[in-house]
Amino acid sequence: MREIFTQVTYLVASILFILGLRSLTKPDTARRGMQYAAIGMLLAIIGTLVQHEIVRYDWIIGGLIAGTIIGIPLGTQVPMTAMPQRIAISHMFGALAATLVGIAEYWLHGAELGSAKMAAVGFEVLFGALTITGSFMAFGKLQEIITGRAVTYKGQNAVNITLFGVTLLMFGYLIVHPENAVVFYSMIALALMIGVFMVLPIGGADMPVVISLLNSYAGLASAATGFAIGNNVLIIAGALDGASGFILSIVMSKAMNRSFQNVIFGAFGAAPTVSTKTASGLSVRSISAEDAAIQLAYAKLVIIVPGYGMAVAQAQHQVRELAELIEKKGGEVKYAIHPVAGRMPGHMNVLLAEANVPYDRLYDMDEINGEFERADVALIIGANDVVNPAARNDKSSPIYGMPILNADKAQNVIVLKRSMNPGFAGIENELFYNDKTSLLFGDAKASLSKLVTEMKTV
């Protein structure tokens, strides 16, 4: 009877996971999708807790309490601007759990696992271990504990490929000889090193791809855990996570016109350089908050381009307030969202939704690019590489070929920027030197507050 109850709850949970993932494809159903997934996870936990294999509940209850104590602050206290870091650290916890389960399974059974089960356990700890350290490195770069720039050295790719090759040989050896504990734990140690070395040469501009790829790895490790311990819901949930993360990584790479190989080995976001077009004595034109407010007040169409600078300044609420003032004065406001703006997939969408910006005002790149030509003002808030015309014009640029938002096609461009430092790609932005571009220097939140104040007097 217990087994039937468990399988029924697993089936319902799996259906809810699939419905939840499907609902996340649209902004207006995303919240419902998260609720489906949460209910599914609750059912999966209940189904697991009634299994006859469980002989005592004290450690399980302790784990539930500890997880709740950690999870509530992570869900309620972490600001939306720090969501990329939180996602990265969540991947680390998930991978750590999968790896520990694999180690426990090997500790209990060792040579008795057999080739098939050893393959599942080996895959689980291999991808789990590299996801632990890889996610922690991503967290460190996003939190600026370590540099967000690409860290490279001579022969780095050869070292990484060699390490991964040796680890795969160990994995293959263990499938044939599962009794060799030294090789098993050595493989885990090498996998932990691979996670560090894999993320070290990746710059901040590639973090959306890295996070989605690590999400895929964590899902694959979870699916392997399901095979190792015979848990169907883990297999399904892990497969969904792994597949969706992989597909998202492809989408992110396509948005940057780059391959996986280039993301992992290309060291995008290396030392800043100056393009030939900005080294020829050109200068930028600054603007006051008063003059910028006048332009916005009389604009018929304003397209706002949010970027990581908006997230850092936590300025999304001021953006919404400014947009409401523009609309009160008869203007139309649209938001242009680049797929890789920010430090995780959907970063800008999450921040603007948190500020109660209507979903129907958010437009992806393909929808909005044709609108820039009729826009009176393109207001760029903390975005850099995703509006850099060098992606179209400069074949020597590292971002050449990357699809960008056509902000330079607008009648006027106002850029809110703290300084002239380059973006995470490490290159100058041609747009800032364009004759139609004006820069309002300062913290994005403070600058937007000034614009709001000035707009009220126009």
Foldseek 3Di string as FASTA:
>chain_A
DLLVLLVVLLVQLLVLQVVLVVQCVDPVSNVVSVVSNVVSVVSNVVSVVSDPVDDDCPVVVVVVVVCVVVPVCLVPVDDLLLVLLSLLVVLLVLLVVLLVLLVVLCVVQQQNCALVLLLLSLLLLLLSLLSNLLSVVLSCCSVVVDPQAFDDDPCLVVVLVVLVVVLVVLSVVCSVVRNPVVSSVVSNVSSNVSSNSQNRLAHQLCLQLSSLQSQLSSLSSQLSSCVNVVNPSSVSRSVVRNVVSVVLSVVVCVLLVHDPCCRRPVSQLHAADEDPVVVPPFDFAADELLVVLVLLLPWQEEEEEEASLCSVLLQLLLVVLLQVLSVVSNHHYAYEYRQSGHRHGCSVVSSNVVNVDDPVRYDYQVVCQVVQLVTQEYEYEHDAPQAACCLDVPPVQPSPVNHHRPNVNHNAYEYEEADQQHDSSNYGGPSRRDPRYHYHHDRRNVSSVSNSVSNVVD
